[in-house]
Amino acid sequence: MKKIALIFSAFLTINGYAQSSSIKKMEKALETATNISDLKSLIDGDVASGICSLLTGKAICDLLIATPLNETEKEDLENIKSKIALEEFLVKKGISPDVFYKKLLEQRNSETLQNQLDFLKK
């Protein structure tokens, strides 16, 4: 039983580190990008995961423009590992990826977005 608890604890630590790394990489991409094409070129699997982590939070749902996420969509976001999959999700939701990226860039310095990023790091 101790072995299982130890393995589970290690998994949570690694998973938490991976999420933290994704968030840091996403923050760097937002900090570096000056326009939509810059942001698009900086999005890789980690950044896409960071964006998906933000989207599952309540504070960032206004970035979706359309309806907020339902439970199934939150689960779908957890499985997104690339920019292509993220953009396919947005299109399926009825949102233009360019409009989404523009809104994300506009809000990158907003208190709401910063609070959400800080919350994800805990």
Protein backbone atom coordinates (compact mmCIF):
# COMPACT_ATOMS: atom_id res chain seq x y z
CA MET A 1 0.00 0.00 0.00
CA LYS A 2 2.89 2.36 0.81
CA LYS A 3 4.34 1.71 -2.65
CA ILE A 4 1.08 2.76 -4.33
CA ALA A 5 0.89 5.93 -2.21
CA LEU A 6 4.51 6.75 -3.05
CA ILE A 7 3.97 6.22 -6.78
CA PHE A 8 0.78 8.32 -6.71
CA SER A 9 2.60 11.09 -4.83
CA ALA A 10 5.42 11.06 -7.40
CA PHE A 11 2.87 11.19 -10.23
CA LEU A 12 1.15 14.22 -8.69
CA THR A 13 4.49 15.98 -8.22
CA ILE A 14 5.57 15.32 -11.81
CA ASN A 15 2.14 16.27 -13.18
CA GLY A 16 2.15 19.49 -11.14
CA TYR A 17 5.62 20.31 -12.42
CA ALA A 18 4.54 19.69 -16.01
CA GLN A 19 1.56 22.03 -15.59
CA SER A 20 3.75 24.66 -13.95
CA SER A 21 6.22 24.40 -16.82
CA SER A 22 3.39 24.81 -19.35
CA ILE A 23 2.09 27.90 -17.53
CA LYS A 24 5.57 29.45 -17.38
CA LYS A 25 6.11 28.78 -21.08
CA MET A 26 2.71 30.28 -21.90
CA GLU A 27 3.47 33.39 -19.82
CA LYS A 28 6.77 33.78 -21.69
CA ALA A 29 4.96 33.47 -25.04
CA LEU A 30 2.43 36.13 -24.03
CA GLU A 31 5.19 38.38 -22.74
CA THR A 32 7.26 38.01 -25.92
CA ALA A 33 4.48 38.22 -28.54
CA THR A 34 3.63 41.61 -29.98
CA ASN A 35 0.94 40.45 -32.40
CA ILE A 36 -1.15 37.43 -33.34
CA SER A 37 1.38 35.91 -35.71
CA ASP A 38 4.11 36.19 -33.05
CA LEU A 39 1.88 34.38 -30.57
CA LYS A 40 0.97 31.69 -33.10
CA SER A 41 4.62 31.02 -33.85
CA LEU A 42 5.38 30.67 -30.12
CA ILE A 43 2.60 28.15 -29.45
CA ASP A 44 3.81 24.61 -29.04
CA GLY A 45 2.35 21.71 -27.05
CA ASP A 46 3.35 23.22 -23.69
CA VAL A 47 1.90 26.64 -24.48
CA ALA A 48 -1.30 25.05 -25.82
CA SER A 49 -1.56 23.09 -22.55
CA GLY A 50 -1.03 26.30 -20.58
CA ILE A 51 -3.79 28.04 -22.52
CA CYS A 52 -6.09 25.05 -21.97
CA SER A 53 -5.40 25.19 -18.23
CA LEU A 54 -6.50 28.82 -18.28
CA LEU A 55 -9.64 28.03 -20.26
CA THR A 56 -10.80 25.48 -17.71
CA GLY A 57 -10.81 28.26 -15.09
CA LYS A 58 -13.89 30.39 -14.59
CA ALA A 59 -12.15 33.77 -14.71
CA ILE A 60 -11.01 33.37 -18.30
CA CYS A 61 -14.30 32.22 -19.89
CA ASP A 62 -14.90 35.68 -21.35
CA LEU A 63 -12.02 34.90 -23.73
CA LEU A 64 -14.21 32.25 -25.27
CA ILE A 65 -16.63 34.92 -26.54
CA ALA A 66 -19.23 32.19 -27.15
CA THR A 67 -20.76 30.11 -24.38
CA PRO A 68 -18.68 29.10 -21.35
CA LEU A 69 -17.27 25.58 -21.21
CA ASN A 70 -19.44 22.68 -20.20
CA GLU A 71 -18.04 19.68 -18.28
CA THR A 72 -17.40 17.62 -21.43
CA GLU A 73 -15.46 20.48 -23.01
CA LYS A 74 -13.35 20.88 -19.85
CA GLU A 75 -12.40 17.21 -20.14
CA ASP A 76 -11.66 17.65 -23.86
CA LEU A 77 -9.32 20.56 -23.08
CA GLU A 78 -7.25 18.39 -20.74
CA ASN A 79 -6.40 16.15 -23.70
CA ILE A 80 -5.23 18.94 -26.03
CA LYS A 81 -1.49 18.72 -26.61
CA SER A 82 -0.91 20.86 -29.72
CA LYS A 83 -1.75 24.18 -31.35
CA ILE A 84 -3.70 22.37 -34.08
CA ALA A 85 -5.88 20.56 -31.52
CA LEU A 86 -6.45 23.83 -29.62
CA GLU A 87 -7.51 25.63 -32.80
CA GLU A 88 -9.80 22.73 -33.79
CA PHE A 89 -11.43 22.97 -30.35
CA LEU A 90 -11.97 26.73 -30.77
CA VAL A 91 -13.47 26.32 -34.25
CA LYS A 92 -15.76 23.57 -32.96
CA LYS A 93 -16.84 26.03 -30.26
CA GLY A 94 -17.62 28.60 -32.99
CA ILE A 95 -14.65 30.86 -32.23
CA SER A 96 -12.10 32.09 -34.75
CA PRO A 97 -8.61 31.22 -33.44
CA ASP A 98 -7.34 34.64 -34.60
CA VAL A 99 -10.08 36.42 -32.63
CA PHE A 100 -9.25 34.25 -29.60
CA TYR A 101 -5.50 34.97 -29.82
CA LYS A 102 -6.18 38.68 -30.27
CA LYS A 103 -8.38 38.71 -27.16
CA LEU A 104 -5.76 36.75 -25.21
CA LEU A 105 -3.05 39.25 -26.20
CA GLU A 106 -5.29 42.19 -25.29
CA GLN A 107 -5.95 40.72 -21.85
CA ARG A 108 -2.45 39.45 -21.07
CA ASN A 109 -1.79 42.28 -18.61
CA SER A 110 -5.26 42.30 -17.10
CA GLU A 111 -5.66 41.60 -13.41
CA THR A 112 -8.14 38.81 -14.10
CA LEU A 113 -5.70 36.93 -16.31
CA GLN A 114 -2.82 37.45 -13.87
CA ASN A 115 -4.94 36.20 -10.96
CA GLN A 116 -5.85 33.12 -12.95
CA LEU A 117 -2.18 32.44 -13.76
CA ASP A 118 -1.22 32.88 -10.11
CA PHE A 119 -3.99 30.50 -9.07
CA LEU A 120 -2.77 27.82 -11.49
CA LYS A 121 0.75 27.97 -10.08
CA LYS A 122 -0.38 26.99 -6.57
